[in-house]
C-alpha atoms as a PDB file:
ATOM      1  CA  MET A   1     -12.439  80.855 -52.294  1.00  0.00           C
ATOM      2  CA  MET A   2     -10.044  83.647 -51.290  1.00  0.00           C
ATOM      3  CA  PRO A   3     -10.599  84.848 -47.734  1.00  0.00           C
ATOM      4  CA  ASP A   4     -12.083  88.296 -47.117  1.00  0.00           C
ATOM      5  CA  LYS A   5      -9.967  89.608 -44.221  1.00  0.00           C
ATOM      6  CA  GLN A   6     -12.430  92.299 -43.154  1.00  0.00           C
ATOM      7  CA  ARG A   7     -15.265  89.785 -43.108  1.00  0.00           C
ATOM      8  CA  ILE A   8     -13.141  87.338 -41.127  1.00  0.00           C
ATOM      9  CA  ALA A   9     -12.321  89.973 -38.513  1.00  0.00           C
ATOM     10  CA  ALA A  10     -15.980  91.004 -38.200  1.00  0.00           C
ATOM     11  CA  ARG A  11     -17.292  87.447 -37.875  1.00  0.00           C
ATOM     12  CA  PHE A  12     -14.700  86.457 -35.273  1.00  0.00           C
ATOM     13  CA  ALA A  13     -15.330  89.672 -33.330  1.00  0.00           C
ATOM     14  CA  ALA A  14     -19.023  88.776 -33.215  1.00  0.00           C
ATOM     15  CA  ALA A  15     -18.156  85.249 -32.047  1.00  0.00           C
ATOM     16  CA  VAL A  16     -15.850  86.331 -29.182  1.00  0.00           C
ATOM     17  CA  PRO A  17     -18.537  86.274 -26.428  1.00  0.00           C
ATOM     18  CA  HIS A  18     -19.509  82.685 -27.354  1.00  0.00           C
ATOM     19  CA  TYR A  19     -16.233  81.276 -28.654  1.00  0.00           C
ATOM     20  CA  ASN A  20     -14.665  79.702 -25.561  1.00  0.00           C
ATOM     21  CA  HIS A  21     -17.860  77.836 -24.641  1.00  0.00           C
ATOM     22  CA  HIS A  22     -18.243  76.311 -28.116  1.00  0.00           C
ATOM     23  CA  ALA A  23     -14.567  75.685 -28.937  1.00  0.00           C
ATOM     24  CA  GLY A  24     -14.475  71.980 -28.132  1.00  0.00           C
ATOM     25  CA  ALA A  25     -12.663  70.961 -31.312  1.00  0.00           C
ATOM     26  CA  GLN A  26     -10.277  73.876 -30.966  1.00  0.00           C
ATOM     27  CA  ARG A  27      -9.348  72.816 -27.416  1.00  0.00           C
ATOM     28  CA  MET A  28      -8.471  69.337 -28.680  1.00  0.00           C
ATOM     29  CA  ILE A  29      -6.330  70.944 -31.369  1.00  0.00           C
ATOM     30  CA  HIS A  30      -4.581  73.110 -28.779  1.00  0.00           C
ATOM     31  CA  ASN A  31      -3.766  70.043 -26.696  1.00  0.00           C
ATOM     32  CA  GLU A  32      -2.186  68.336 -29.698  1.00  0.00           C
ATOM     33  CA  LEU A  33      -0.112  71.410 -30.548  1.00  0.00           C
ATOM     34  CA  ASP A  34       0.989  71.610 -26.921  1.00  0.00           C
ATOM     35  CA  ARG A  35       2.091  67.979 -27.136  1.00  0.00           C
ATOM     36  CA  LEU A  36       4.208  68.797 -30.184  1.00  0.00           C
ATOM     37  CA  LEU A  37       5.787  71.693 -28.308  1.00  0.00           C
ATOM     38  CA  ALA A  38       6.529  69.460 -25.321  1.00  0.00           C
ATOM     39  CA  CYS A  39       8.310  67.008 -27.621  1.00  0.00           C
ATOM     40  CA  HIS A  40      10.154  69.356 -29.969  1.00  0.00           C
ATOM     41  CA  ALA A  41      10.613  72.830 -28.454  1.00  0.00           C
ATOM     42  CA  PRO A  42      14.193  74.120 -28.226  1.00  0.00           C
ATOM     43  CA  LYS A  43      15.845  73.979 -24.799  1.00  0.00           C
ATOM     44  CA  HIS A  44      16.045  77.766 -24.652  1.00  0.00           C
ATOM     45  CA  VAL A  45      12.901  79.676 -25.593  1.00  0.00           C
ATOM     46  CA  ALA A  46      13.117  83.429 -25.128  1.00  0.00           C
ATOM     47  CA  LYS A  47      10.628  84.740 -27.684  1.00  0.00           C
ATOM     48  CA  ILE A  48       7.464  83.279 -29.224  1.00  0.00           C
ATOM     49  CA  LEU A  49       5.141  84.593 -31.924  1.00  0.00           C
ATOM     50  CA  GLU A  50       1.561  83.357 -32.110  1.00  0.00           C
ATOM     51  CA  ILE A  51      -0.428  84.011 -35.283  1.00  0.00           C
ATOM     52  CA  GLY A  52      -4.185  84.350 -34.778  1.00  0.00           C
ATOM     53  CA  CYS A  53      -4.336  84.407 -30.981  1.00  0.00           C
ATOM     54  CA  GLY A  54      -8.115  84.938 -30.880  1.00  0.00           C
ATOM     55  CA  THR A  55      -9.531  84.770 -27.354  1.00  0.00           C
ATOM     56  CA  GLY A  56      -6.217  83.517 -26.001  1.00  0.00           C
ATOM     57  CA  LEU A  57      -6.985  79.861 -25.266  1.00  0.00           C
ATOM     58  CA  PHE A  58      -3.806  78.618 -26.927  1.00  0.00           C
ATOM     59  CA  SER A  59      -1.870  81.716 -25.828  1.00  0.00           C
ATOM     60  CA  ARG A  60      -2.472  80.733 -22.208  1.00  0.00           C
ATOM     61  CA  MET A  61      -0.996  77.298 -22.884  1.00  0.00           C
ATOM     62  CA  LEU A  62       2.072  78.898 -24.465  1.00  0.00           C
ATOM     63  CA  ALA A  63       2.476  81.179 -21.449  1.00  0.00           C
ATOM     64  CA  GLN A  64       2.194  78.249 -19.049  1.00  0.00           C
ATOM     65  CA  ARG A  65       4.648  76.044 -20.927  1.00  0.00           C
ATOM     66  CA  PHE A  66       7.180  78.854 -21.461  1.00  0.00           C
ATOM     67  CA  PRO A  67       6.702  81.180 -18.455  1.00  0.00           C
ATOM     68  CA  GLN A  68       9.978  83.046 -19.004  1.00  0.00           C
ATOM     69  CA  ALA A  69       9.447  83.679 -22.707  1.00  0.00           C
ATOM     70  CA  LYS A  70       8.180  86.889 -24.244  1.00  0.00           C
ATOM     71  CA  LEU A  71       4.923  86.325 -26.135  1.00  0.00           C
ATOM     72  CA  VAL A  72       4.168  88.375 -29.226  1.00  0.00           C
ATOM     73  CA  LEU A  73       0.501  87.833 -30.050  1.00  0.00           C
ATOM     74  CA  ASN A  74      -1.030  88.658 -33.419  1.00  0.00           C
ATOM     75  CA  ASP A  75      -4.666  88.771 -34.463  1.00  0.00           C
ATOM     76  CA  LEU A  76      -6.788  90.506 -37.081  1.00  0.00           C
ATOM     77  CA  ASN A  77      -9.181  91.618 -34.355  1.00  0.00           C
ATOM     78  CA  ALA A  78      -7.796  94.320 -32.048  1.00  0.00           C
ATOM     79  CA  ALA A  79     -10.397  93.394 -29.409  1.00  0.00           C
ATOM     80  CA  CYS A  80      -8.635  90.087 -28.731  1.00  0.00           C
ATOM     81  CA  VAL A  81      -6.862  90.874 -25.444  1.00  0.00           C
ATOM     82  CA  PRO A  82      -7.450  87.977 -23.038  1.00  0.00           C
ATOM     83  CA  ASP A  83      -7.858  88.834 -19.342  1.00  0.00           C
ATOM     84  CA  TRP A  84      -5.049  86.570 -18.169  1.00  0.00           C
ATOM     85  CA  GLN A  85      -2.370  88.526 -20.078  1.00  0.00           C
ATOM     86  CA  HIS A  86      -2.582  91.330 -17.485  1.00  0.00           C
ATOM     87  CA  ASP A  87      -0.743  88.983 -15.107  1.00  0.00           C
ATOM     88  CA  ARG A  88       2.379  89.209 -17.284  1.00  0.00           C
ATOM     89  CA  PRO A  89       2.182  92.607 -19.055  1.00  0.00           C
ATOM     90  CA  SER A  90       5.949  93.007 -19.503  1.00  0.00           C
ATOM     91  CA  GLU A  91       6.196  89.614 -21.219  1.00  0.00           C
ATOM     92  CA  THR A  92       3.265  90.066 -23.617  1.00  0.00           C
ATOM     93  CA  GLU A  93       3.182  92.257 -26.724  1.00  0.00           C
ATOM     94  CA  TYR A  94       0.413  92.629 -29.300  1.00  0.00           C
ATOM     95  CA  ARG A  95       0.798  93.236 -33.018  1.00  0.00           C
ATOM     96  CA  PHE A  96      -2.714  93.528 -34.381  1.00  0.00           C
ATOM     97  CA  GLY A  97      -3.427  93.371 -38.102  1.00  0.00           C
ATOM     98  CA  ASP A  98      -3.089  91.153 -41.146  1.00  0.00           C
ATOM     99  CA  ALA A  99      -0.205  88.748 -40.459  1.00  0.00           C
ATOM    100  CA  GLU A 100       0.590  88.688 -44.183  1.00  0.00           C
ATOM    101  CA  GLN A 101       1.040  92.466 -44.317  1.00  0.00           C
ATOM    102  CA  ILE A 102       2.293  93.922 -41.025  1.00  0.00           C
ATOM    103  CA  ASP A 103       5.733  93.850 -39.414  1.00  0.00           C
ATOM    104  CA  LEU A 104       5.756  90.951 -36.942  1.00  0.00           C
ATOM    105  CA  GLY A 105       9.360  91.313 -35.823  1.00  0.00           C
ATOM    106  CA  SER A 106      12.044  88.634 -35.829  1.00  0.00           C
ATOM    107  CA  GLY A 107      14.345  86.622 -33.603  1.00  0.00           C
ATOM    108  CA  TYR A 108      11.710  84.080 -32.586  1.00  0.00           C
ATOM    109  CA  ASN A 109      12.575  80.687 -31.136  1.00  0.00           C
ATOM    110  CA  ILE A 110       9.030  79.475 -31.864  1.00  0.00           C
ATOM    111  CA  ILE A 111       6.287  80.596 -34.234  1.00  0.00           C
ATOM    112  CA  ALA A 112       2.982  78.934 -33.400  1.00  0.00           C
ATOM    113  CA  SER A 113      -0.544  79.103 -34.740  1.00  0.00           C
ATOM    114  CA  ALA A 114      -3.758  77.264 -33.890  1.00  0.00           C
ATOM    115  CA  SER A 115      -6.500  77.033 -36.533  1.00  0.00           C
ATOM    116  CA  ALA A 116      -5.611  80.314 -38.229  1.00  0.00           C
ATOM    117  CA  LEU A 117      -3.343  79.715 -41.226  1.00  0.00           C
ATOM    118  CA  GLN A 118      -6.221  78.435 -43.365  1.00  0.00           C
ATOM    119  CA  TRP A 119      -7.316  82.085 -43.660  1.00  0.00           C
ATOM    120  CA  LEU A 120      -4.081  83.157 -45.372  1.00  0.00           C
ATOM    121  CA  GLU A 121      -4.194  84.347 -48.958  1.00  0.00           C
ATOM    122  CA  ASN A 122      -0.655  83.153 -49.731  1.00  0.00           C
ATOM    123  CA  PRO A 123       0.467  80.372 -47.378  1.00  0.00           C
ATOM    124  CA  THR A 124       3.553  79.652 -49.495  1.00  0.00           C
ATOM    125  CA  ALA A 125       4.909  83.150 -48.975  1.00  0.00           C
ATOM    126  CA  PHE A 126       4.011  83.146 -45.310  1.00  0.00           C
ATOM    127  CA  VAL A 127       5.873  79.885 -44.609  1.00  0.00           C
ATOM    128  CA  LYS A 128       8.980  81.361 -46.221  1.00  0.00           C
ATOM    129  CA  ARG A 129       8.585  84.617 -44.301  1.00  0.00           C
ATOM    130  CA  ALA A 130       8.199  82.702 -41.040  1.00  0.00           C
ATOM    131  CA  ALA A 131      11.572  81.077 -41.662  1.00  0.00           C
ATOM    132  CA  GLN A 132      13.093  84.551 -41.955  1.00  0.00           C
ATOM    133  CA  MET A 133      11.537  85.550 -38.606  1.00  0.00           C
ATOM    134  CA  LEU A 134      12.865  82.460 -36.811  1.00  0.00           C
ATOM    135  CA  VAL A 135      16.327  82.133 -35.340  1.00  0.00           C
ATOM    136  CA  SER A 136      18.520  79.376 -36.723  1.00  0.00           C
ATOM    137  CA  ASP A 137      16.956  76.022 -35.795  1.00  0.00           C
ATOM    138  CA  GLY A 138      13.768  77.835 -34.678  1.00  0.00           C
ATOM    139  CA  LEU A 139      10.545  75.841 -34.545  1.00  0.00           C
ATOM    140  CA  LEU A 140       7.337  76.364 -36.548  1.00  0.00           C
ATOM    141  CA  VAL A 141       4.324  74.607 -34.980  1.00  0.00           C
ATOM    142  CA  PHE A 142       0.816  74.991 -36.313  1.00  0.00           C
ATOM    143  CA  ASN A 143      -2.296  73.297 -37.516  1.00  0.00           C
ATOM    144  CA  THR A 144      -4.359  73.936 -40.570  1.00  0.00           C
ATOM    145  CA  PHE A 145      -7.033  71.714 -42.130  1.00  0.00           C
ATOM    146  CA  THR A 146      -7.240  69.280 -45.025  1.00  0.00           C
ATOM    147  CA  PRO A 147      -9.627  69.520 -48.011  1.00  0.00           C
ATOM    148  CA  ASP A 148     -12.059  67.175 -46.188  1.00  0.00           C
ATOM    149  CA  ASN A 149     -12.628  69.675 -43.391  1.00  0.00           C
ATOM    150  CA  LEU A 150     -16.310  70.460 -42.676  1.00  0.00           C
ATOM    151  CA  HIS A 151     -17.160  68.570 -45.848  1.00  0.00           C
ATOM    152  CA  PRO A 152     -20.968  68.511 -45.418  1.00  0.00           C
ATOM    153  CA  ILE A 153     -21.082  72.276 -44.999  1.00  0.00           C
ATOM    154  CA  ARG A 154     -19.186  72.837 -48.238  1.00  0.00           C
ATOM    155  CA  THR A 155     -21.318  70.261 -50.067  1.00  0.00           C
ATOM    156  CA  LEU A 156     -24.707  71.511 -48.897  1.00  0.00           C
ATOM    157  CA  THR A 157     -24.060  75.271 -49.014  1.00  0.00           C
ATOM    158  CA  GLY A 158     -21.586  75.511 -51.889  1.00  0.00           C
ATOM    159  CA  SER A 159     -19.273  77.713 -49.803  1.00  0.00           C
ATOM    160  CA  GLY A 160     -16.048  77.117 -47.945  1.00  0.00           C
ATOM    161  CA  LEU A 161     -12.338  77.753 -47.889  1.00  0.00           C
ATOM    162  CA  HIS A 162      -9.725  76.257 -50.175  1.00  0.00           C
ATOM    163  CA  TYR A 163      -7.547  73.972 -48.066  1.00  0.00           C
ATOM    164  CA  PRO A 164      -4.155  73.016 -49.514  1.00  0.00           C
ATOM    165  CA  THR A 165      -3.295  69.334 -49.447  1.00  0.00           C
ATOM    166  CA  GLN A 166      -0.775  67.647 -47.187  1.00  0.00           C
ATOM    167  CA  ALA A 167       1.493  67.190 -50.211  1.00  0.00           C
ATOM    168  CA  GLU A 168       1.413  70.931 -50.930  1.00  0.00           C
ATOM    169  CA  TRP A 169       2.346  71.797 -47.359  1.00  0.00           C
ATOM    170  CA  THR A 170       5.174  69.273 -47.508  1.00  0.00           C
ATOM    171  CA  ASP A 171       6.539  70.872 -50.675  1.00  0.00           C
ATOM    172  CA  TRP A 172       6.368  74.396 -49.252  1.00  0.00           C
ATOM    173  CA  LEU A 173       7.942  73.460 -45.929  1.00  0.00           C
ATOM    174  CA  ASN A 174      10.786  71.392 -47.385  1.00  0.00           C
ATOM    175  CA  ARG A 175      12.317  74.495 -48.936  1.00  0.00           C
ATOM    176  CA  ASP A 176      13.234  76.108 -45.613  1.00  0.00           C
ATOM    177  CA  TYR A 177      12.532  73.544 -42.895  1.00  0.00           C
ATOM    178  CA  ASP A 178      13.235  70.032 -41.763  1.00  0.00           C
ATOM    179  CA  ILE A 179       9.792  68.538 -41.166  1.00  0.00           C
ATOM    180  CA  ILE A 180       9.636  66.839 -37.777  1.00  0.00           C
ATOM    181  CA  SER A 181       5.983  65.846 -37.739  1.00  0.00           C
ATOM    182  CA  LEU A 182       3.120  66.158 -40.205  1.00  0.00           C
ATOM    183  CA  GLU A 183      -0.047  64.296 -39.254  1.00  0.00           C
ATOM    184  CA  GLN A 184      -3.707  64.431 -40.198  1.00  0.00           C
ATOM    185  CA  ARG A 185      -6.407  63.598 -37.645  1.00  0.00           C
ATOM    186  CA  THR A 186     -10.191  63.651 -37.535  1.00  0.00           C
ATOM    187  CA  ILE A 187     -12.250  65.237 -34.759  1.00  0.00           C
ATOM    188  CA  THR A 188     -15.955  64.375 -34.878  1.00  0.00           C
ATOM    189  CA  LEU A 189     -18.341  66.615 -32.982  1.00  0.00           C
ATOM    190  CA  VAL A 190     -21.882  65.437 -32.279  1.00  0.00           C
ATOM    191  CA  PHE A 191     -24.954  67.701 -32.268  1.00  0.00           C
ATOM    192  CA  ASP A 192     -28.639  67.218 -31.609  1.00  0.00           C
ATOM    193  CA  SER A 193     -29.655  68.767 -34.931  1.00  0.00           C
ATOM    194  CA  PRO A 194     -28.269  70.310 -38.137  1.00  0.00           C
ATOM    195  CA  ARG A 195     -29.352  73.699 -36.819  1.00  0.00           C
ATOM    196  CA  ASP A 196     -27.067  73.169 -33.810  1.00  0.00           C
ATOM    197  CA  VAL A 197     -24.235  72.529 -36.275  1.00  0.00           C
ATOM    198  CA  LEU A 198     -24.832  75.928 -37.859  1.00  0.00           C
ATOM    199  CA  ARG A 199     -25.014  77.578 -34.443  1.00  0.00           C
ATOM    200  CA  HIS A 200     -21.660  76.014 -33.496  1.00  0.00           C
ATOM    201  CA  LEU A 201     -20.066  77.337 -36.681  1.00  0.00           C
ATOM    202  CA  GLN A 202     -21.479  80.801 -36.068  1.00  0.00           C
ATOM    203  CA  TYR A 203     -20.282  80.904 -32.454  1.00  0.00           C
ATOM    204  CA  THR A 204     -16.754  79.881 -33.435  1.00  0.00           C
ATOM    205  CA  GLY A 205     -16.453  82.323 -36.349  1.00  0.00           C
ATOM    206  CA  VAL A 206     -16.183  79.633 -39.014  1.00  0.00           C
ATOM    207  CA  THR A 207     -18.934  81.144 -41.163  1.00  0.00           C
ATOM    208  CA  ALA A 208     -16.735  83.954 -42.524  1.00  0.00           C
ATOM    209  CA  THR A 209     -16.553  82.517 -46.027  1.00  0.00           C
ATOM    210  CA  ASN A 210     -19.381  83.441 -48.385  1.00  0.00           C
ATOM    211  CA  ALA A 211     -20.850  86.947 -48.125  1.00  0.00           C
ATOM    212  CA  ASP A 212     -23.450  86.162 -50.801  1.00  0.00           C
ATOM    213  CA  PHE A 213     -25.041  83.163 -49.078  1.00  0.00           C
ATOM    214  CA  VAL A 214     -28.289  84.033 -47.259  1.00  0.00           C
ATOM    215  CA  TRP A 215     -30.214  81.570 -45.104  1.00  0.00           C
ATOM    216  CA  THR A 216     -33.840  81.720 -46.238  1.00  0.00           C
ATOM    217  CA  LYS A 217     -36.497  79.556 -44.581  1.00  0.00           C
ATOM    218  CA  GLN A 218     -36.547  77.240 -47.593  1.00  0.00           C
ATOM    219  CA  ARG A 219     -32.737  76.898 -47.665  1.00  0.00           C
ATOM    220  CA  LEU A 220     -32.627  76.116 -43.964  1.00  0.00           C
ATOM    221  CA  GLN A 221     -35.319  73.438 -44.268  1.00  0.00           C
ATOM    222  CA  ALA A 222     -33.548  71.855 -47.246  1.00  0.00           C
ATOM    223  CA  PHE A 223     -30.203  71.958 -45.419  1.00  0.00           C
ATOM    224  CA  GLU A 224     -31.638  70.249 -42.346  1.00  0.00           C
ATOM    225  CA  ALA A 225     -33.304  67.520 -44.390  1.00  0.00           C
ATOM    226  CA  GLN A 226     -30.230  66.807 -46.522  1.00  0.00           C
ATOM    227  CA  TYR A 227     -27.888  66.899 -43.522  1.00  0.00           C
ATOM    228  CA  ARG A 228     -29.967  64.294 -41.728  1.00  0.00           C
ATOM    229  CA  ASP A 229     -30.130  62.155 -44.880  1.00  0.00           C
ATOM    230  CA  HIS A 230     -26.339  61.891 -45.138  1.00  0.00           C
ATOM    231  CA  HIS A 231     -24.833  62.598 -41.714  1.00  0.00           C
ATOM    232  CA  VAL A 232     -27.217  61.149 -39.150  1.00  0.00           C
ATOM    233  CA  LEU A 233     -25.718  58.958 -36.402  1.00  0.00           C
ATOM    234  CA  PRO A 234     -27.218  55.756 -34.913  1.00  0.00           C
ATOM    235  CA  ASP A 235     -28.645  57.722 -31.972  1.00  0.00           C
ATOM    236  CA  SER A 236     -30.426  60.135 -34.386  1.00  0.00           C
ATOM    237  CA  ARG A 237     -28.003  62.951 -33.699  1.00  0.00           C
ATOM    238  CA  VAL A 238     -25.709  64.345 -36.410  1.00  0.00           C
ATOM    239  CA  GLY A 239     -21.955  64.578 -36.754  1.00  0.00           C
ATOM    240  CA  LEU A 240     -19.514  67.184 -38.057  1.00  0.00           C
ATOM    241  CA  ASP A 241     -15.889  66.358 -38.883  1.00  0.00           C
ATOM    242  CA  TYR A 242     -12.903  68.645 -38.461  1.00  0.00           C
ATOM    243  CA  THR A 243      -9.765  67.306 -40.156  1.00  0.00           C
ATOM    244  CA  PRO A 244      -6.787  69.132 -38.649  1.00  0.00           C
ATOM    245  CA  LEU A 245      -3.328  68.782 -40.136  1.00  0.00           C
ATOM    246  CA  TYR A 246      -0.647  69.180 -37.449  1.00  0.00           C
ATOM    247  CA  VAL A 247       2.803  70.414 -38.388  1.00  0.00           C
ATOM    248  CA  ALA A 248       6.079  70.748 -36.521  1.00  0.00           C
ATOM    249  CA  ALA A 249       9.049  71.892 -38.613  1.00  0.00           C
ATOM    250  CA  ARG A 250      12.489  73.166 -37.687  1.00  0.00           C
ATOM    251  CA  LYS A 251      14.180  75.883 -39.669  1.00  0.00           C
ATOM    252  CA  LYS A 252      17.143  74.540 -41.565  1.00  0.00           C
ATOM    253  CA  PRO A 253      20.445  75.780 -40.139  1.00  0.00           C
ATOM    254  CA  THR A 254      22.051  78.625 -42.026  1.00  0.00           C
ATOM    255  CA  THR A 255      25.172  77.378 -43.739  1.00  0.00           C
ATOM    256  CA  CYS A 256      28.224  79.530 -44.302  1.00  0.00           C
ATOM    257  CA  ARG A 257      30.074  78.726 -47.487  1.00  0.00           C
ATOM    258  CA  LEU A 258      33.715  79.730 -47.850  1.00  0.00           C
ATOM    259  CA  PRO A 259      34.541  81.520 -51.102  1.00  0.00           C
ATOM    260  CA  PHE A 260      35.953  79.284 -53.796  1.00  0.00           C
ATOM    261  CA  LYS A 261      39.691  79.634 -54.318  1.00  0.00           C
ATOM    262  CA  ALA A 262      41.396  78.474 -57.498  1.00  0.00           C
ATOM    263  CA  ALA A 263      44.378  76.183 -57.039  1.00  0.00           C
END
């Protein structure tokens, strides 16, 4: 399913007041991305672009790890201005709008994104464009998700995003980057009931997929029964799996070729 950018922005805007409290999986993802940055970031980092900054949870980590760097933060939702950024106003710039359409600048040492690139319409083109925005040997660090992500939701509701495979990402990245790390993990969240699963998805903005799906009383009852049939845990609670794919890739150095001279 192709993402509806206006719907995405509206759903995430509605989730902002609840997001940080319910973003347990996202915090684990941020920690893993921060680990990749600790291992692979260039020695000199002057300028960083973050795609899909949201409420600023990962942005804060970037600011703490690279306190001297200028942060350029992008998000679809213009209301996403975290409170902490007022402590470093001269080092923080916002470029709100569709990251696939607007001018995001260039000269970045790092381009980072946490749980946002799955909403792109054309990830192939964006990966190539990111290479053009990076300096030579600049670092691209992000996570997306594999086709198994939130599998019970897709199965029981018939709606969900299209997630490219690890092999597809590898093919796209190899054209302009040297892949440093590409790993899939599984994060299992546990809830008291299937209805709590739906509430979690709503409060983290993940429900911005199918505008035509309406929760009737009968659909909700069927969903709860089927979810318990297939995803119940030994303690009678239910699980939900996120399957993040973590990527760290360095832009291939630009090579200068001397003109051919005949003997």
